[in-house]
Amino acid sequence: MTAHEYQFNVAMSCSGCSGAVNRVLSKLDGVSDVKITLEDQKVVVKTEDVSYDTVLAQIKKSGKAVRSGEVIA
């Protein structure tokens, strides 16, 4: 298994928004940790063998706009 860490800038204006993002990511098999900072509109996702594109698509399912994203590790 390969661990990955991704960071996304997601348009979130309230705790309901961050909760929606957290819920869709928590349902994704292979996600080991999700850290959401509402003030910075930042989502950091740690996974085991889940691709960047899969995580990105899952965040988009929440209906929130993803402004940018990058692979951290």
N, C-alpha and C. Protein backbone atom coordinates (compact mmCIF):
# COMPACT_ATOMS: atom_id res chain seq x y z
N MET A 1 0.83 -1.19 0.00
CA MET A 1 0.00 0.00 0.00
C MET A 1 0.87 1.24 0.00
N THR A 2 0.36 2.26 -0.64
CA THR A 2 1.08 3.52 -0.70
C THR A 2 0.23 4.61 -0.07
N ALA A 3 0.81 5.31 0.88
CA ALA A 3 0.10 6.42 1.52
C ALA A 3 0.23 7.67 0.67
N HIS A 4 -0.87 8.40 0.57
CA HIS A 4 -0.88 9.66 -0.16
C HIS A 4 -1.51 10.74 0.71
N GLU A 5 -1.11 11.98 0.44
CA GLU A 5 -1.72 13.11 1.13
C GLU A 5 -2.00 14.18 0.09
N TYR A 6 -3.25 14.66 0.09
CA TYR A 6 -3.69 15.66 -0.88
C TYR A 6 -4.25 16.86 -0.14
N GLN A 7 -4.06 18.04 -0.73
CA GLN A 7 -4.63 19.25 -0.15
C GLN A 7 -5.47 19.95 -1.21
N PHE A 8 -6.65 20.39 -0.81
CA PHE A 8 -7.57 21.06 -1.73
C PHE A 8 -8.03 22.37 -1.13
N ASN A 9 -8.25 23.36 -1.99
CA ASN A 9 -8.89 24.60 -1.59
C ASN A 9 -10.33 24.49 -2.07
N VAL A 10 -11.27 24.41 -1.11
CA VAL A 10 -12.68 24.15 -1.42
C VAL A 10 -13.52 25.31 -0.93
N ALA A 11 -14.44 25.78 -1.76
CA ALA A 11 -15.34 26.88 -1.38
C ALA A 11 -16.32 26.39 -0.32
N MET A 12 -16.07 26.79 0.94
CA MET A 12 -16.94 26.41 2.06
C MET A 12 -17.18 27.67 2.89
N SER A 13 -18.45 27.96 3.17
CA SER A 13 -18.75 29.18 3.91
C SER A 13 -19.28 28.94 5.32
N CYS A 14 -19.58 27.69 5.66
CA CYS A 14 -20.14 27.41 6.99
C CYS A 14 -19.81 25.98 7.41
N SER A 15 -20.16 25.67 8.66
CA SER A 15 -19.87 24.33 9.16
C SER A 15 -20.69 23.27 8.43
N GLY A 16 -21.85 23.65 7.89
CA GLY A 16 -22.64 22.72 7.10
C GLY A 16 -21.89 22.31 5.84
N CYS A 17 -21.21 23.28 5.23
CA CYS A 17 -20.41 23.01 4.02
C CYS A 17 -19.27 22.05 4.34
N SER A 18 -18.52 22.35 5.39
CA SER A 18 -17.40 21.48 5.75
C SER A 18 -17.90 20.11 6.18
N GLY A 19 -19.06 20.06 6.82
CA GLY A 19 -19.66 18.78 7.22
C GLY A 19 -20.01 17.93 6.02
N ALA A 20 -20.54 18.57 4.97
CA ALA A 20 -20.90 17.84 3.75
C ALA A 20 -19.66 17.24 3.10
N VAL A 21 -18.58 18.02 3.04
CA VAL A 21 -17.32 17.54 2.46
C VAL A 21 -16.78 16.38 3.31
N ASN A 22 -16.82 16.54 4.61
CA ASN A 22 -16.33 15.49 5.51
C ASN A 22 -17.13 14.20 5.34
N ARG A 23 -18.45 14.31 5.20
CA ARG A 23 -19.30 13.12 5.04
C ARG A 23 -18.96 12.35 3.77
N VAL A 24 -18.82 13.06 2.64
CA VAL A 24 -18.55 12.33 1.39
C VAL A 24 -17.17 11.69 1.41
N LEU A 25 -16.20 12.36 2.04
CA LEU A 25 -14.85 11.78 2.10
C LEU A 25 -14.79 10.60 3.06
N SER A 26 -15.55 10.66 4.14
CA SER A 26 -15.56 9.57 5.12
C SER A 26 -16.13 8.29 4.53
N LYS A 27 -16.98 8.41 3.52
CA LYS A 27 -17.59 7.24 2.88
C LYS A 27 -16.65 6.56 1.89
N LEU A 28 -15.55 7.22 1.56
CA LEU A 28 -14.62 6.70 0.56
C LEU A 28 -13.67 5.69 1.20
N ASP A 29 -13.70 4.44 0.73
CA ASP A 29 -12.80 3.42 1.25
C ASP A 29 -11.35 3.82 0.98
N GLY A 30 -10.50 3.67 1.99
CA GLY A 30 -9.08 3.98 1.82
C GLY A 30 -8.69 5.34 2.37
N VAL A 31 -9.67 6.17 2.76
CA VAL A 31 -9.36 7.46 3.36
C VAL A 31 -9.09 7.22 4.84
N SER A 32 -7.88 7.60 5.30
CA SER A 32 -7.51 7.35 6.69
C SER A 32 -7.69 8.57 7.58
N ASP A 33 -7.67 9.78 6.99
CA ASP A 33 -7.80 10.99 7.80
C ASP A 33 -8.26 12.15 6.93
N VAL A 34 -9.12 12.98 7.49
CA VAL A 34 -9.59 14.19 6.81
C VAL A 34 -9.46 15.34 7.79
N LYS A 35 -8.76 16.39 7.40
CA LYS A 35 -8.66 17.59 8.22
C LYS A 35 -9.22 18.75 7.40
N ILE A 36 -10.23 19.42 7.96
CA ILE A 36 -10.86 20.53 7.27
C ILE A 36 -10.68 21.80 8.10
N THR A 37 -10.14 22.84 7.47
CA THR A 37 -9.99 24.14 8.11
C THR A 37 -10.93 25.09 7.40
N LEU A 38 -12.04 25.42 8.05
CA LEU A 38 -13.06 26.25 7.43
C LEU A 38 -12.53 27.66 7.14
N GLU A 39 -11.76 28.22 8.08
CA GLU A 39 -11.24 29.59 7.92
C GLU A 39 -10.39 29.72 6.65
N ASP A 40 -9.56 28.70 6.40
CA ASP A 40 -8.67 28.72 5.23
C ASP A 40 -9.31 28.05 4.01
N GLN A 41 -10.48 27.45 4.22
CA GLN A 41 -11.17 26.69 3.17
C GLN A 41 -10.25 25.61 2.60
N LYS A 42 -9.56 24.93 3.53
CA LYS A 42 -8.58 23.92 3.16
C LYS A 42 -9.03 22.55 3.62
N VAL A 43 -8.85 21.57 2.75
CA VAL A 43 -9.16 20.17 3.07
C VAL A 43 -7.91 19.36 2.82
N VAL A 44 -7.42 18.67 3.84
CA VAL A 44 -6.26 17.79 3.71
C VAL A 44 -6.74 16.35 3.91
N VAL A 45 -6.44 15.51 2.94
CA VAL A 45 -6.92 14.13 2.95
C VAL A 45 -5.74 13.18 2.92
N LYS A 46 -5.71 12.24 3.87
CA LYS A 46 -4.69 11.19 3.87
C LYS A 46 -5.38 9.91 3.45
N THR A 47 -4.74 9.18 2.52
CA THR A 47 -5.35 7.96 2.00
C THR A 47 -4.33 6.84 1.88
N GLU A 48 -4.86 5.65 1.69
CA GLU A 48 -4.07 4.48 1.32
C GLU A 48 -4.54 4.06 -0.06
N ASP A 49 -3.71 4.22 -1.04
CA ASP A 49 -4.00 3.75 -2.40
C ASP A 49 -5.26 4.36 -3.05
N VAL A 50 -5.62 5.58 -2.71
CA VAL A 50 -6.73 6.25 -3.38
C VAL A 50 -6.13 7.36 -4.23
N SER A 51 -6.53 7.42 -5.50
CA SER A 51 -5.92 8.40 -6.41
C SER A 51 -6.43 9.81 -6.13
N TYR A 52 -5.62 10.78 -6.53
CA TYR A 52 -5.99 12.20 -6.42
C TYR A 52 -7.32 12.45 -7.12
N ASP A 53 -7.47 11.92 -8.33
CA ASP A 53 -8.69 12.15 -9.11
C ASP A 53 -9.93 11.58 -8.42
N THR A 54 -9.78 10.46 -7.75
CA THR A 54 -10.90 9.85 -7.03
C THR A 54 -11.33 10.74 -5.86
N VAL A 55 -10.35 11.24 -5.11
CA VAL A 55 -10.66 12.13 -3.98
C VAL A 55 -11.29 13.42 -4.49
N LEU A 56 -10.75 13.97 -5.57
CA LEU A 56 -11.29 15.20 -6.16
C LEU A 56 -12.75 14.99 -6.58
N ALA A 57 -13.03 13.90 -7.25
CA ALA A 57 -14.40 13.60 -7.70
C ALA A 57 -15.34 13.46 -6.50
N GLN A 58 -14.85 12.86 -5.43
CA GLN A 58 -15.67 12.68 -4.23
C GLN A 58 -16.00 14.02 -3.59
N ILE A 59 -15.04 14.94 -3.53
CA ILE A 59 -15.30 16.27 -2.97
C ILE A 59 -16.34 16.99 -3.83
N LYS A 60 -16.22 16.86 -5.15
CA LYS A 60 -17.18 17.52 -6.05
C LYS A 60 -18.59 16.99 -5.86
N LYS A 61 -18.73 15.72 -5.41
CA LYS A 61 -20.05 15.15 -5.14
C LYS A 61 -20.78 15.91 -4.03
N SER A 62 -20.02 16.59 -3.17
CA SER A 62 -20.63 17.36 -2.08
C SER A 62 -21.29 18.62 -2.61
N GLY A 63 -21.00 18.96 -3.88
CA GLY A 63 -21.57 20.16 -4.48
C GLY A 63 -20.73 21.41 -4.26
N LYS A 64 -19.62 21.26 -3.60
CA LYS A 64 -18.74 22.41 -3.33
C LYS A 64 -17.72 22.57 -4.47
N ALA A 65 -17.40 23.81 -4.76
CA ALA A 65 -16.42 24.10 -5.81
C ALA A 65 -15.01 23.90 -5.28
N VAL A 66 -14.21 23.17 -6.05
CA VAL A 66 -12.81 22.97 -5.70
C VAL A 66 -12.00 23.97 -6.51
N ARG A 67 -11.37 24.92 -5.80
CA ARG A 67 -10.61 25.99 -6.47
C ARG A 67 -9.25 25.50 -6.93
N SER A 68 -8.62 24.65 -6.11
CA SER A 68 -7.30 24.13 -6.47
C SER A 68 -7.03 22.90 -5.63
N GLY A 69 -6.00 22.18 -6.02
CA GLY A 69 -5.60 21.00 -5.29
C GLY A 69 -4.18 20.62 -5.63
N GLU A 70 -3.55 19.89 -4.73
CA GLU A 70 -2.19 19.46 -4.97
C GLU A 70 -1.89 18.19 -4.19
N VAL A 71 -0.92 17.46 -4.67
CA VAL A 71 -0.44 16.27 -3.97
C VAL A 71 0.67 16.73 -3.04
N ILE A 72 0.50 16.46 -1.75
CA ILE A 72 1.50 16.87 -0.76
C ILE A 72 2.53 15.77 -0.58
N ALA A 73 2.06 14.53 -0.48
CA ALA A 73 2.98 13.41 -0.26
C ALA A 73 2.47 12.18 -0.97
